[in-house]
Amino acid sequence: MEDEVKQGTWAEYQVYVKTGNRIGASTKADVKLILYGEKGRTKEFLLEDSKRNKVKFQKGKEDLFILPAHHVGKLKKVKIGHDRTELSCAWFLEGVTVYDMYSKKIYDFKCEQWLSGQDGDRKTYRILPCDRDRAFLEEYDDHINRPRERKEMTRPTSGSSSDEPRRSRKPVDKYSVEVGQRSRPRPGGRCDDSDSSDSSSSSSSSSSYTTSTEKQASARLVSA
């Protein structure tokens, strides 16, 4: 089924187009794209507003395009290319990656070919089958601004009776550790050795001060 899907669930597709890192890989041609899925296809999109680069389709660069469309289901292939046959418009496409924001899926479409009307097979359009698909978490990486791929959950070992994934240990709070390291009163209201030694030293110094004072008073009485 390759009819255009014109009704149903509305979805957003984030399309990453990577130009190869070869001499002459860039193009100034107007690039068009169609997504094909289990339910049908999207309309033909003109990729004109890159969210990453002011100049599109430059050597070694990756462009991002946001495409709203009715959801076409699981993606099977994409058609991408341009209508310019001039040698100056030849384009080396490394590949396309599509993020389906509705179903939370990532689809990879490898190309690694020239789209040129003068070289090779002289084709300016390519139909790229899906090379790989995977799920992702809706959490964006700070560096590449892409949703991070879903990490597989850790399963119990074969000897475990539970089929549920292992839960991560609760992080230890730094403040609770510091409080736990403080001296705690012993039974009977007494503190630890450091506290008792401090109190005994202070009491001994107090008693020695009292004794010296009494001696001074006695000496004054005798001299009088």
N, C-alpha and C. Protein backbone atom coordinates (compact mmCIF):
# COMPACT_ATOMS: atom_id res chain seq x y z
N MET A 1 0.84 -1.20 0.00
CA MET A 1 0.00 0.00 0.00
C MET A 1 0.88 1.25 0.00
N GLU A 2 0.75 2.05 -1.09
CA GLU A 2 1.58 3.25 -1.19
C GLU A 2 0.74 4.50 -1.48
N ASP A 3 -0.54 4.44 -1.11
CA ASP A 3 -1.39 5.62 -1.24
C ASP A 3 -1.07 6.60 -0.12
N GLU A 4 -1.25 7.87 -0.38
CA GLU A 4 -0.98 8.89 0.63
C GLU A 4 -2.01 8.81 1.76
N VAL A 5 -1.53 8.81 2.99
CA VAL A 5 -2.39 8.79 4.16
C VAL A 5 -2.86 10.22 4.42
N LYS A 6 -4.18 10.45 4.32
CA LYS A 6 -4.72 11.79 4.46
C LYS A 6 -5.62 11.97 5.67
N GLN A 7 -5.71 10.95 6.50
CA GLN A 7 -6.52 11.04 7.71
C GLN A 7 -5.94 10.13 8.78
N GLY A 8 -6.48 10.27 10.00
CA GLY A 8 -5.98 9.47 11.11
C GLY A 8 -5.12 10.28 12.06
N THR A 9 -4.31 9.60 12.82
CA THR A 9 -3.48 10.23 13.84
C THR A 9 -2.45 11.16 13.23
N TRP A 10 -2.34 12.35 13.82
CA TRP A 10 -1.35 13.32 13.37
C TRP A 10 -0.04 13.05 14.08
N ALA A 11 1.07 13.09 13.37
CA ALA A 11 2.37 12.76 13.96
C ALA A 11 3.42 13.77 13.53
N GLU A 12 4.53 13.75 14.25
CA GLU A 12 5.68 14.58 13.91
C GLU A 12 6.87 13.68 13.62
N TYR A 13 7.51 13.92 12.49
CA TYR A 13 8.71 13.18 12.12
C TYR A 13 9.90 14.12 12.13
N GLN A 14 10.94 13.74 12.87
CA GLN A 14 12.18 14.49 12.88
C GLN A 14 13.17 13.75 11.97
N VAL A 15 13.53 14.40 10.89
CA VAL A 15 14.33 13.75 9.85
C VAL A 15 15.74 14.33 9.85
N TYR A 16 16.73 13.48 10.06
CA TYR A 16 18.14 13.87 10.04
C TYR A 16 18.76 13.38 8.74
N VAL A 17 19.29 14.32 7.96
CA VAL A 17 19.88 14.00 6.66
C VAL A 17 21.37 14.29 6.73
N LYS A 18 22.19 13.27 6.51
CA LYS A 18 23.64 13.42 6.63
C LYS A 18 24.30 13.42 5.25
N THR A 19 24.98 14.53 4.94
CA THR A 19 25.75 14.64 3.70
C THR A 19 27.13 14.04 3.93
N GLY A 20 27.63 13.31 2.96
CA GLY A 20 28.92 12.63 3.11
C GLY A 20 30.08 13.60 3.19
N ASN A 21 31.21 13.08 3.66
CA ASN A 21 32.40 13.90 3.84
C ASN A 21 33.38 13.67 2.68
N ARG A 22 32.89 13.90 1.48
CA ARG A 22 33.71 13.72 0.28
C ARG A 22 33.84 15.04 -0.48
N ILE A 23 34.84 15.12 -1.31
CA ILE A 23 35.02 16.32 -2.13
C ILE A 23 33.83 16.45 -3.09
N GLY A 24 33.21 17.62 -3.08
CA GLY A 24 32.07 17.85 -3.96
C GLY A 24 30.77 17.25 -3.48
N ALA A 25 30.71 16.82 -2.21
CA ALA A 25 29.51 16.15 -1.69
C ALA A 25 28.34 17.10 -1.51
N SER A 26 28.59 18.39 -1.32
CA SER A 26 27.52 19.36 -1.07
C SER A 26 26.65 19.57 -2.31
N THR A 27 25.44 20.06 -2.06
CA THR A 27 24.55 20.39 -3.18
C THR A 27 23.70 21.60 -2.84
N LYS A 28 23.31 22.33 -3.87
CA LYS A 28 22.39 23.45 -3.72
C LYS A 28 21.01 23.13 -4.29
N ALA A 29 20.83 21.88 -4.66
CA ALA A 29 19.55 21.46 -5.25
C ALA A 29 18.47 21.40 -4.18
N ASP A 30 17.22 21.51 -4.61
CA ASP A 30 16.07 21.37 -3.70
C ASP A 30 15.80 19.88 -3.50
N VAL A 31 16.03 19.42 -2.27
CA VAL A 31 15.89 18.00 -1.96
C VAL A 31 14.47 17.70 -1.49
N LYS A 32 13.91 16.61 -1.98
CA LYS A 32 12.55 16.20 -1.62
C LYS A 32 12.56 14.82 -0.97
N LEU A 33 11.54 14.57 -0.14
CA LEU A 33 11.50 13.32 0.63
C LEU A 33 10.07 12.81 0.77
N ILE A 34 9.90 11.49 0.68
CA ILE A 34 8.62 10.82 0.96
C ILE A 34 8.90 9.66 1.92
N LEU A 35 8.06 9.54 2.95
CA LEU A 35 8.15 8.44 3.91
C LEU A 35 7.10 7.39 3.58
N TYR A 36 7.51 6.12 3.58
CA TYR A 36 6.59 5.01 3.30
C TYR A 36 6.48 4.12 4.53
N GLY A 37 5.22 3.83 4.93
CA GLY A 37 4.99 2.98 6.09
C GLY A 37 3.98 1.88 5.81
N GLU A 38 3.61 1.17 6.86
CA GLU A 38 2.66 0.06 6.72
C GLU A 38 1.28 0.54 6.26
N LYS A 39 0.89 1.76 6.64
CA LYS A 39 -0.44 2.26 6.31
C LYS A 39 -0.48 3.04 5.00
N GLY A 40 0.66 3.35 4.45
CA GLY A 40 0.71 4.14 3.24
C GLY A 40 1.92 5.06 3.25
N ARG A 41 1.81 6.20 2.60
CA ARG A 41 2.93 7.12 2.51
C ARG A 41 2.51 8.54 2.86
N THR A 42 3.52 9.36 3.09
CA THR A 42 3.26 10.79 3.32
C THR A 42 3.23 11.51 1.98
N LYS A 43 2.92 12.77 2.02
CA LYS A 43 3.05 13.58 0.81
C LYS A 43 4.55 13.80 0.54
N GLU A 44 4.86 14.39 -0.59
CA GLU A 44 6.26 14.71 -0.89
C GLU A 44 6.63 16.02 -0.19
N PHE A 45 7.65 15.94 0.66
CA PHE A 45 8.11 17.12 1.41
C PHE A 45 9.30 17.75 0.71
N LEU A 46 9.32 19.06 0.70
CA LEU A 46 10.50 19.80 0.26
C LEU A 46 11.31 20.14 1.51
N LEU A 47 12.54 19.65 1.57
CA LEU A 47 13.38 19.87 2.75
C LEU A 47 14.05 21.23 2.63
N GLU A 48 13.40 22.25 3.18
CA GLU A 48 13.88 23.61 2.98
C GLU A 48 14.26 24.36 4.24
N ASP A 49 13.87 23.90 5.41
CA ASP A 49 14.14 24.64 6.65
C ASP A 49 14.93 23.77 7.62
N SER A 50 16.25 23.80 7.49
CA SER A 50 17.11 23.02 8.38
C SER A 50 17.18 23.69 9.74
N LYS A 51 16.98 22.90 10.79
CA LYS A 51 17.01 23.41 12.15
C LYS A 51 18.43 23.47 12.71
N ARG A 52 19.40 23.01 11.94
CA ARG A 52 20.78 22.96 12.43
C ARG A 52 21.74 23.88 11.68
N ASN A 53 21.54 24.02 10.40
CA ASN A 53 22.51 24.77 9.59
C ASN A 53 21.81 25.81 8.74
N LYS A 54 22.45 26.98 8.61
CA LYS A 54 21.89 28.02 7.76
C LYS A 54 21.95 27.62 6.28
N VAL A 55 23.04 26.94 5.92
CA VAL A 55 23.19 26.44 4.55
C VAL A 55 23.02 24.93 4.59
N LYS A 56 22.05 24.41 3.85
CA LYS A 56 21.72 22.99 3.89
C LYS A 56 22.68 22.15 3.05
N PHE A 57 22.75 20.88 3.41
CA PHE A 57 23.40 19.85 2.61
C PHE A 57 24.85 20.19 2.26
N GLN A 58 25.60 20.55 3.29
CA GLN A 58 27.02 20.85 3.13
C GLN A 58 27.86 19.63 3.51
N LYS A 59 29.03 19.56 2.95
CA LYS A 59 29.95 18.44 3.14
C LYS A 59 30.16 18.12 4.63
N GLY A 60 29.90 16.87 5.00
CA GLY A 60 30.13 16.40 6.36
C GLY A 60 29.13 16.89 7.40
N LYS A 61 28.08 17.60 6.99
CA LYS A 61 27.12 18.17 7.94
C LYS A 61 25.83 17.36 7.96
N GLU A 62 25.14 17.47 9.09
CA GLU A 62 23.85 16.80 9.26
C GLU A 62 22.77 17.85 9.47
N ASP A 63 21.72 17.77 8.70
CA ASP A 63 20.61 18.71 8.78
C ASP A 63 19.40 18.05 9.43
N LEU A 64 18.63 18.85 10.15
CA LEU A 64 17.42 18.37 10.81
C LEU A 64 16.20 19.08 10.24
N PHE A 65 15.18 18.29 9.90
CA PHE A 65 13.93 18.83 9.37
C PHE A 65 12.76 18.27 10.17
N ILE A 66 11.82 19.13 10.54
CA ILE A 66 10.63 18.72 11.28
C ILE A 66 9.47 18.62 10.30
N LEU A 67 8.92 17.42 10.16
CA LEU A 67 7.87 17.18 9.17
C LEU A 67 6.59 16.70 9.85
N PRO A 68 5.53 17.50 9.86
CA PRO A 68 4.25 17.05 10.39
C PRO A 68 3.45 16.32 9.31
N ALA A 69 2.85 15.19 9.70
CA ALA A 69 2.09 14.41 8.72
C ALA A 69 1.19 13.43 9.46
N HIS A 70 0.22 12.87 8.73
CA HIS A 70 -0.57 11.78 9.30
C HIS A 70 0.33 10.56 9.47
N HIS A 71 0.14 9.86 10.59
CA HIS A 71 1.01 8.74 10.90
C HIS A 71 0.83 7.62 9.88
N VAL A 72 1.93 7.11 9.33
CA VAL A 72 1.89 6.09 8.29
C VAL A 72 2.24 4.70 8.83
N GLY A 73 2.35 4.58 10.15
CA GLY A 73 2.71 3.29 10.73
C GLY A 73 4.20 3.04 10.72
N LYS A 74 4.56 1.81 10.91
CA LYS A 74 5.98 1.44 10.93
C LYS A 74 6.61 1.75 9.58
N LEU A 75 7.73 2.48 9.59
CA LEU A 75 8.36 2.89 8.34
C LEU A 75 9.07 1.72 7.66
N LYS A 76 8.94 1.70 6.35
CA LYS A 76 9.54 0.63 5.54
C LYS A 76 10.68 1.15 4.66
N LYS A 77 10.48 2.36 4.10
CA LYS A 77 11.48 2.92 3.19
C LYS A 77 11.24 4.42 3.05
N VAL A 78 12.22 5.10 2.45
CA VAL A 78 12.07 6.52 2.14
C VAL A 78 12.54 6.73 0.70
N LYS A 79 11.98 7.74 0.09
CA LYS A 79 12.43 8.16 -1.23
C LYS A 79 12.96 9.57 -1.10
N ILE A 80 14.20 9.79 -1.52
CA ILE A 80 14.83 11.09 -1.36
C ILE A 80 15.63 11.43 -2.61
N GLY A 81 15.66 12.71 -2.96
CA GLY A 81 16.43 13.11 -4.13
C GLY A 81 16.09 14.51 -4.60
N HIS A 82 16.54 14.82 -5.81
CA HIS A 82 16.32 16.16 -6.38
C HIS A 82 16.16 16.04 -7.88
N ASP A 83 15.79 17.15 -8.53
CA ASP A 83 15.49 17.14 -9.96
C ASP A 83 16.58 17.78 -10.82
N ARG A 84 17.71 18.14 -10.20
CA ARG A 84 18.77 18.83 -10.94
C ARG A 84 19.78 17.83 -11.51
N THR A 85 20.00 17.92 -12.80
CA THR A 85 20.92 16.99 -13.45
C THR A 85 22.32 17.57 -13.68
N GLU A 86 22.49 18.86 -13.37
CA GLU A 86 23.82 19.47 -13.57
C GLU A 86 24.86 18.84 -12.65
N LEU A 87 26.08 18.79 -13.14
CA LEU A 87 27.16 18.20 -12.37
C LEU A 87 27.38 18.96 -11.06
N SER A 88 27.16 20.28 -11.09
CA SER A 88 27.37 21.10 -9.89
C SER A 88 26.34 20.79 -8.79
N CYS A 89 25.27 20.12 -9.15
CA CYS A 89 24.24 19.78 -8.16
C CYS A 89 24.35 18.34 -7.67
N ALA A 90 25.40 17.63 -8.09
CA ALA A 90 25.60 16.26 -7.61
C ALA A 90 25.73 16.26 -6.09
N TRP A 91 25.16 15.25 -5.46
CA TRP A 91 25.10 15.21 -3.99
C TRP A 91 25.44 13.81 -3.50
N PHE A 92 26.37 13.75 -2.55
CA PHE A 92 26.70 12.45 -1.95
C PHE A 92 25.96 12.35 -0.61
N LEU A 93 24.98 11.47 -0.55
CA LEU A 93 24.16 11.28 0.64
C LEU A 93 24.66 10.09 1.44
N GLU A 94 25.02 10.35 2.70
CA GLU A 94 25.48 9.26 3.56
C GLU A 94 24.31 8.45 4.10
N GLY A 95 23.25 9.13 4.52
CA GLY A 95 22.11 8.40 5.04
C GLY A 95 21.06 9.30 5.64
N VAL A 96 19.93 8.69 6.02
CA VAL A 96 18.80 9.40 6.61
C VAL A 96 18.38 8.66 7.88
N THR A 97 18.11 9.42 8.93
CA THR A 97 17.58 8.85 10.17
C THR A 97 16.28 9.57 10.50
N VAL A 98 15.24 8.80 10.78
CA VAL A 98 13.92 9.38 11.05
C VAL A 98 13.51 9.02 12.47
N TYR A 99 13.13 10.05 13.23
CA TYR A 99 12.59 9.87 14.58
C TYR A 99 11.07 10.04 14.52
N ASP A 100 10.36 8.96 14.76
CA ASP A 100 8.90 9.00 14.79
C ASP A 100 8.49 9.38 16.21
N MET A 101 8.06 10.63 16.42
CA MET A 101 7.77 11.13 17.75
C MET A 101 6.44 10.59 18.30
N TYR A 102 5.65 9.98 17.45
CA TYR A 102 4.37 9.41 17.91
C TYR A 102 4.58 8.00 18.48
N SER A 103 5.26 7.15 17.74
CA SER A 103 5.47 5.77 18.19
C SER A 103 6.77 5.58 18.95
N LYS A 104 7.55 6.68 19.10
CA LYS A 104 8.83 6.64 19.82
C LYS A 104 9.78 5.60 19.21
N LYS A 105 9.96 5.71 17.90
CA LYS A 105 10.84 4.79 17.17
C LYS A 105 11.87 5.57 16.36
N ILE A 106 13.04 4.95 16.18
CA ILE A 106 14.09 5.52 15.34
C ILE A 106 14.31 4.58 14.16
N TYR A 107 14.38 5.15 12.96
CA TYR A 107 14.59 4.36 11.76
C TYR A 107 15.82 4.87 11.02
N ASP A 108 16.71 3.94 10.64
CA ASP A 108 17.92 4.29 9.90
C ASP A 108 17.80 3.82 8.45
N PHE A 109 18.22 4.71 7.53
CA PHE A 109 18.20 4.40 6.11
C PHE A 109 19.57 4.77 5.52
N LYS A 110 20.37 3.77 5.21
CA LYS A 110 21.70 4.00 4.67
C LYS A 110 21.62 4.26 3.17
N CYS A 111 22.53 5.13 2.70
CA CYS A 111 22.61 5.40 1.27
C CYS A 111 24.05 5.23 0.80
N GLU A 112 24.93 6.15 1.20
CA GLU A 112 26.35 6.12 0.84
C GLU A 112 26.53 6.03 -0.68
N GLN A 113 25.77 6.87 -1.40
CA GLN A 113 25.84 6.90 -2.86
C GLN A 113 25.69 8.35 -3.34
N TRP A 114 26.10 8.55 -4.59
CA TRP A 114 25.92 9.84 -5.25
C TRP A 114 24.51 9.93 -5.81
N LEU A 115 23.93 11.09 -5.70
CA LEU A 115 22.68 11.41 -6.38
C LEU A 115 23.06 12.44 -7.44
N SER A 116 23.36 11.94 -8.61
CA SER A 116 23.94 12.78 -9.65
C SER A 116 23.38 12.40 -11.03
N GLY A 117 23.10 13.41 -11.84
CA GLY A 117 22.62 13.16 -13.18
C GLY A 117 23.74 12.97 -14.19
N GLN A 118 25.01 13.05 -13.73
CA GLN A 118 26.14 12.96 -14.64
C GLN A 118 27.07 11.78 -14.32
N ASP A 119 27.09 11.33 -13.09
CA ASP A 119 28.04 10.28 -12.68
C ASP A 119 27.31 8.99 -12.31
N GLY A 120 28.06 7.90 -12.32
CA GLY A 120 27.53 6.62 -11.87
C GLY A 120 26.32 6.17 -12.68
N ASP A 121 25.25 5.80 -11.97
CA ASP A 121 24.03 5.35 -12.66
C ASP A 121 23.14 6.51 -13.07
N ARG A 122 23.58 7.73 -12.80
CA ARG A 122 22.89 8.97 -13.19
C ARG A 122 21.48 9.08 -12.59
N LYS A 123 21.33 8.61 -11.40
CA LYS A 123 20.05 8.71 -10.70
C LYS A 123 20.13 9.84 -9.67
N THR A 124 19.14 10.70 -9.69
CA THR A 124 19.09 11.80 -8.72
C THR A 124 18.10 11.51 -7.59
N TYR A 125 17.44 10.37 -7.64
CA TYR A 125 16.55 9.92 -6.55
C TYR A 125 16.98 8.53 -6.11
N ARG A 126 16.83 8.28 -4.82
CA ARG A 126 17.13 6.97 -4.26
C ARG A 126 15.96 6.51 -3.39
N ILE A 127 15.64 5.22 -3.49
CA ILE A 127 14.69 4.60 -2.57
C ILE A 127 15.51 3.77 -1.59
N LEU A 128 15.44 4.16 -0.32
CA LEU A 128 16.27 3.55 0.71
C LEU A 128 15.42 2.69 1.65
N PRO A 129 15.65 1.37 1.68
CA PRO A 129 14.92 0.52 2.62
C PRO A 129 15.41 0.74 4.05
N CYS A 130 14.56 0.44 5.01
CA CYS A 130 14.94 0.62 6.42
C CYS A 130 16.04 -0.36 6.77
N ASP A 131 17.14 0.15 7.27
CA ASP A 131 18.28 -0.69 7.66
C ASP A 131 18.16 -1.18 9.10
N ARG A 132 17.57 -0.34 9.96
CA ARG A 132 17.46 -0.71 11.38
C ARG A 132 16.41 0.17 12.04
N ASP A 133 15.68 -0.38 13.02
CA ASP A 133 14.75 0.43 13.81
C ASP A 133 14.89 0.04 15.27
N ARG A 134 14.64 1.03 16.15
CA ARG A 134 14.80 0.82 17.59
C ARG A 134 13.96 1.86 18.32
N ALA A 135 13.74 1.61 19.62
CA ALA A 135 12.94 2.53 20.44
C ALA A 135 13.85 3.54 21.12
N PHE A 136 13.26 4.65 21.57
CA PHE A 136 14.04 5.66 22.28
C PHE A 136 13.22 6.25 23.42
N LEU A 137 13.95 6.86 24.38
CA LEU A 137 13.32 7.58 25.47
C LEU A 137 13.17 9.03 25.07
N GLU A 138 12.10 9.68 25.54
CA GLU A 138 11.87 11.08 25.18
C GLU A 138 12.68 11.97 26.11
N GLU A 139 14.00 11.84 25.97
CA GLU A 139 14.94 12.61 26.78
C GLU A 139 16.07 13.04 25.86
N TYR A 140 16.36 14.31 25.82
CA TYR A 140 17.29 14.83 24.82
C TYR A 140 18.70 14.97 25.35
N ASP A 141 19.63 14.59 24.50
CA ASP A 141 21.04 14.73 24.84
C ASP A 141 21.45 16.18 24.68
N ASP A 142 22.26 16.66 25.64
CA ASP A 142 22.64 18.07 25.63
C ASP A 142 23.56 18.42 24.47
N HIS A 143 24.31 17.43 23.99
CA HIS A 143 25.33 17.73 22.99
C HIS A 143 24.81 17.66 21.56
N ILE A 144 24.01 16.64 21.24
CA ILE A 144 23.56 16.47 19.87
C ILE A 144 22.09 16.78 19.71
N ASN A 145 21.41 17.09 20.80
CA ASN A 145 20.00 17.51 20.75
C ASN A 145 19.10 16.46 20.11
N ARG A 146 19.41 15.20 20.38
CA ARG A 146 18.59 14.11 19.90
C ARG A 146 18.02 13.33 21.07
N PRO A 147 16.85 12.71 20.91
CA PRO A 147 16.37 11.83 21.97
C PRO A 147 17.33 10.67 22.16
N ARG A 148 17.61 10.33 23.39
CA ARG A 148 18.53 9.23 23.65
C ARG A 148 17.86 7.89 23.36
N GLU A 149 18.65 6.94 22.90
CA GLU A 149 18.12 5.63 22.61
C GLU A 149 17.77 4.93 23.92
N ARG A 150 16.73 4.09 23.87
CA ARG A 150 16.31 3.36 25.05
C ARG A 150 17.35 2.31 25.40
N LYS A 151 17.79 2.29 26.65
CA LYS A 151 18.75 1.30 27.10
C LYS A 151 18.00 0.05 27.58
N GLU A 152 18.55 -1.11 27.26
CA GLU A 152 17.91 -2.34 27.68
C GLU A 152 17.96 -2.46 29.20
N MET A 153 16.83 -2.92 29.78
CA MET A 153 16.75 -3.05 31.23
C MET A 153 17.51 -4.29 31.67
N THR A 154 18.18 -4.20 32.82
CA THR A 154 18.96 -5.31 33.35
C THR A 154 18.03 -6.36 33.91
N ARG A 155 18.20 -7.58 33.49
CA ARG A 155 17.36 -8.68 33.95
C ARG A 155 18.05 -9.45 35.07
N PRO A 156 17.26 -10.15 35.93
CA PRO A 156 17.87 -10.94 37.01
C PRO A 156 18.70 -12.07 36.43
N THR A 157 19.63 -12.59 37.23
CA THR A 157 20.45 -13.72 36.80
C THR A 157 19.59 -14.96 36.72
N SER A 158 20.13 -16.01 36.14
CA SER A 158 19.36 -17.23 35.93
C SER A 158 18.94 -17.86 37.25
N GLY A 159 19.67 -17.61 38.32
CA GLY A 159 19.34 -18.20 39.61
C GLY A 159 18.25 -17.47 40.35
N SER A 160 17.84 -16.30 39.85
CA SER A 160 16.83 -15.52 40.54
C SER A 160 15.45 -16.03 40.19
N SER A 161 14.54 -16.01 41.15
CA SER A 161 13.19 -16.51 40.95
C SER A 161 12.28 -15.47 40.35
N SER A 162 12.67 -14.20 40.42
CA SER A 162 11.82 -13.12 39.93
C SER A 162 12.11 -12.82 38.48
N ASP A 163 11.04 -12.54 37.70
CA ASP A 163 11.20 -12.19 36.29
C ASP A 163 11.25 -10.70 36.07
N GLU A 164 11.08 -9.91 37.14
CA GLU A 164 11.07 -8.47 37.01
C GLU A 164 12.48 -7.93 36.87
N PRO A 165 12.66 -6.79 36.20
CA PRO A 165 13.99 -6.19 36.08
C PRO A 165 14.53 -5.78 37.43
N ARG A 166 15.84 -5.79 37.56
CA ARG A 166 16.45 -5.35 38.80
C ARG A 166 16.24 -3.87 39.01
N ARG A 167 15.99 -3.51 40.23
CA ARG A 167 15.84 -2.10 40.55
C ARG A 167 17.18 -1.51 40.95
N SER A 168 17.41 -0.31 40.55
CA SER A 168 18.67 0.33 40.90
C SER A 168 18.66 0.69 42.37
N ARG A 169 19.82 0.67 42.99
CA ARG A 169 19.94 0.99 44.40
C ARG A 169 19.67 2.46 44.62
N LYS A 170 19.06 2.76 45.78
CA LYS A 170 18.75 4.15 46.10
C LYS A 170 20.05 4.90 46.37
N PRO A 171 20.22 6.07 45.78
CA PRO A 171 21.46 6.83 46.02
C PRO A 171 21.61 7.19 47.49
N VAL A 172 22.84 7.17 47.96
CA VAL A 172 23.11 7.51 49.36
C VAL A 172 23.17 9.02 49.50
N ASP A 173 22.42 9.54 50.46
CA ASP A 173 22.40 10.99 50.68
C ASP A 173 23.65 11.42 51.43
N LYS A 174 24.36 12.41 50.91
CA LYS A 174 25.61 12.86 51.51
C LYS A 174 25.39 13.38 52.92
N TYR A 175 24.28 14.11 53.15
CA TYR A 175 24.03 14.70 54.46
C TYR A 175 23.78 13.61 55.49
N SER A 176 23.05 12.56 55.11
CA SER A 176 22.77 11.49 56.07
C SER A 176 24.04 10.77 56.47
N VAL A 177 25.01 10.66 55.53
CA VAL A 177 26.29 10.03 55.86
C VAL A 177 27.03 10.86 56.89
N GLU A 178 27.06 12.20 56.68
CA GLU A 178 27.75 13.06 57.62
C GLU A 178 27.11 13.00 59.01
N VAL A 179 25.79 12.97 59.08
CA VAL A 179 25.11 12.88 60.37
C VAL A 179 25.39 11.56 61.03
N GLY A 180 25.44 10.48 60.25
CA GLY A 180 25.69 9.16 60.80
C GLY A 180 27.07 9.03 61.39
N GLN A 181 28.02 9.86 60.93
CA GLN A 181 29.39 9.78 61.43
C GLN A 181 29.58 10.56 62.73
N ARG A 182 28.58 11.33 63.14
CA ARG A 182 28.73 12.08 64.38
C ARG A 182 28.62 11.18 65.59
N SER A 183 29.11 11.65 66.76
CA SER A 183 29.08 10.86 67.99
C SER A 183 27.65 10.72 68.46
N ARG A 184 27.31 9.50 68.87
CA ARG A 184 25.99 9.23 69.39
C ARG A 184 26.08 8.94 70.89
N PRO A 185 25.11 9.40 71.72
CA PRO A 185 25.14 9.13 73.16
C PRO A 185 25.06 7.65 73.43
N ARG A 186 25.80 7.20 74.43
CA ARG A 186 25.74 5.81 74.84
C ARG A 186 24.61 5.62 75.83
N PRO A 187 24.20 4.37 76.10
CA PRO A 187 23.15 4.12 77.09
C PRO A 187 23.53 4.73 78.44
N GLY A 188 22.54 5.32 79.11
CA GLY A 188 22.81 5.96 80.40
C GLY A 188 23.12 7.42 80.26
N GLY A 189 23.04 7.96 79.04
CA GLY A 189 23.26 9.39 78.84
C GLY A 189 24.70 9.79 78.65
N ARG A 190 25.64 8.82 78.69
CA ARG A 190 27.05 9.14 78.54
C ARG A 190 27.42 9.17 77.06
N CYS A 191 28.36 10.04 76.74
CA CYS A 191 28.82 10.15 75.36
C CYS A 191 29.99 9.22 75.15
N ASP A 192 30.59 9.31 73.99
CA ASP A 192 31.72 8.43 73.68
C ASP A 192 32.96 8.90 74.42
N ASP A 193 34.08 8.20 74.19
CA ASP A 193 35.32 8.44 74.94
C ASP A 193 35.84 9.85 74.74
N SER A 194 35.65 10.38 73.51
CA SER A 194 36.17 11.72 73.25
C SER A 194 35.45 12.74 74.10
N ASP A 195 34.13 12.58 74.24
CA ASP A 195 33.36 13.52 75.06
C ASP A 195 33.71 13.39 76.52
N SER A 196 33.88 12.11 77.03
CA SER A 196 34.21 11.91 78.45
C SER A 196 35.58 12.44 78.77
N SER A 197 36.53 12.27 77.84
CA SER A 197 37.88 12.78 78.08
C SER A 197 37.88 14.28 78.15
N ASP A 198 37.03 14.93 77.29
CA ASP A 198 36.94 16.38 77.30
C ASP A 198 36.37 16.86 78.61
N SER A 199 35.33 16.16 79.12
CA SER A 199 34.69 16.59 80.36
C SER A 199 35.61 16.37 81.55
N SER A 200 36.37 15.22 81.56
CA SER A 200 37.27 14.95 82.68
C SER A 200 38.41 15.96 82.72
N SER A 201 38.92 16.35 81.54
CA SER A 201 40.01 17.32 81.50
C SER A 201 39.54 18.67 82.00
N SER A 202 38.27 19.04 81.65
CA SER A 202 37.77 20.33 82.09
C SER A 202 37.52 20.33 83.59
N SER A 203 37.05 19.18 84.17
CA SER A 203 36.81 19.12 85.60
C SER A 203 38.11 19.15 86.38
N SER A 204 39.16 18.46 85.84
CA SER A 204 40.44 18.46 86.53
C SER A 204 41.06 19.84 86.55
N SER A 205 40.93 20.57 85.44
CA SER A 205 41.48 21.92 85.41
C SER A 205 40.75 22.83 86.38
N SER A 206 39.43 22.60 86.54
CA SER A 206 38.64 23.41 87.47
C SER A 206 39.06 23.15 88.92
N SER A 207 39.29 21.85 89.24
CA SER A 207 39.68 21.51 90.61
C SER A 207 41.06 22.05 90.94
N SER A 208 41.98 22.00 89.96
CA SER A 208 43.32 22.51 90.21
C SER A 208 43.29 24.01 90.45
N TYR A 209 42.42 24.72 89.74
CA TYR A 209 42.29 26.16 89.93
C TYR A 209 41.75 26.47 91.33
N THR A 210 40.78 25.66 91.81
CA THR A 210 40.22 25.87 93.15
C THR A 210 41.27 25.64 94.22
N THR A 211 42.11 24.62 94.09
CA THR A 211 43.15 24.31 95.09
C THR A 211 44.17 25.43 95.18
N SER A 212 44.58 25.96 94.04
CA SER A 212 45.58 27.04 94.06
C SER A 212 45.01 28.28 94.71
N THR A 213 43.73 28.54 94.50
CA THR A 213 43.09 29.70 95.12
C THR A 213 43.05 29.58 96.63
N GLU A 214 42.71 28.37 97.13
CA GLU A 214 42.68 28.14 98.58
C GLU A 214 44.05 28.32 99.21
N LYS A 215 45.10 27.85 98.54
CA LYS A 215 46.45 27.99 99.07
C LYS A 215 46.84 29.47 99.20
N GLN A 216 46.46 30.28 98.20
CA GLN A 216 46.78 31.71 98.24
C GLN A 216 46.07 32.39 99.40
N ALA A 217 44.81 31.99 99.66
CA ALA A 217 44.08 32.57 100.79
C ALA A 217 44.70 32.21 102.11
N SER A 218 45.17 30.97 102.27
CA SER A 218 45.81 30.53 103.52
C SER A 218 47.09 31.29 103.76
N ALA A 219 47.87 31.52 102.73
CA ALA A 219 49.13 32.24 102.87
C ALA A 219 48.89 33.66 103.34
N ARG A 220 47.86 34.31 102.87
CA ARG A 220 47.55 35.67 103.27
C ARG A 220 47.18 35.72 104.76
N LEU A 221 46.42 34.72 105.24
CA LEU A 221 46.05 34.71 106.67
C LEU A 221 47.24 34.54 107.54
N VAL A 222 48.20 33.68 107.14
CA VAL A 222 49.39 33.43 107.96
C VAL A 222 50.25 34.70 108.03
N SER A 223 50.40 35.39 106.91
CA SER A 223 51.23 36.60 106.90
C SER A 223 50.60 37.70 107.71
N ALA A 224 49.25 37.71 107.76
CA ALA A 224 48.55 38.73 108.56
C ALA A 224 48.76 38.47 110.02
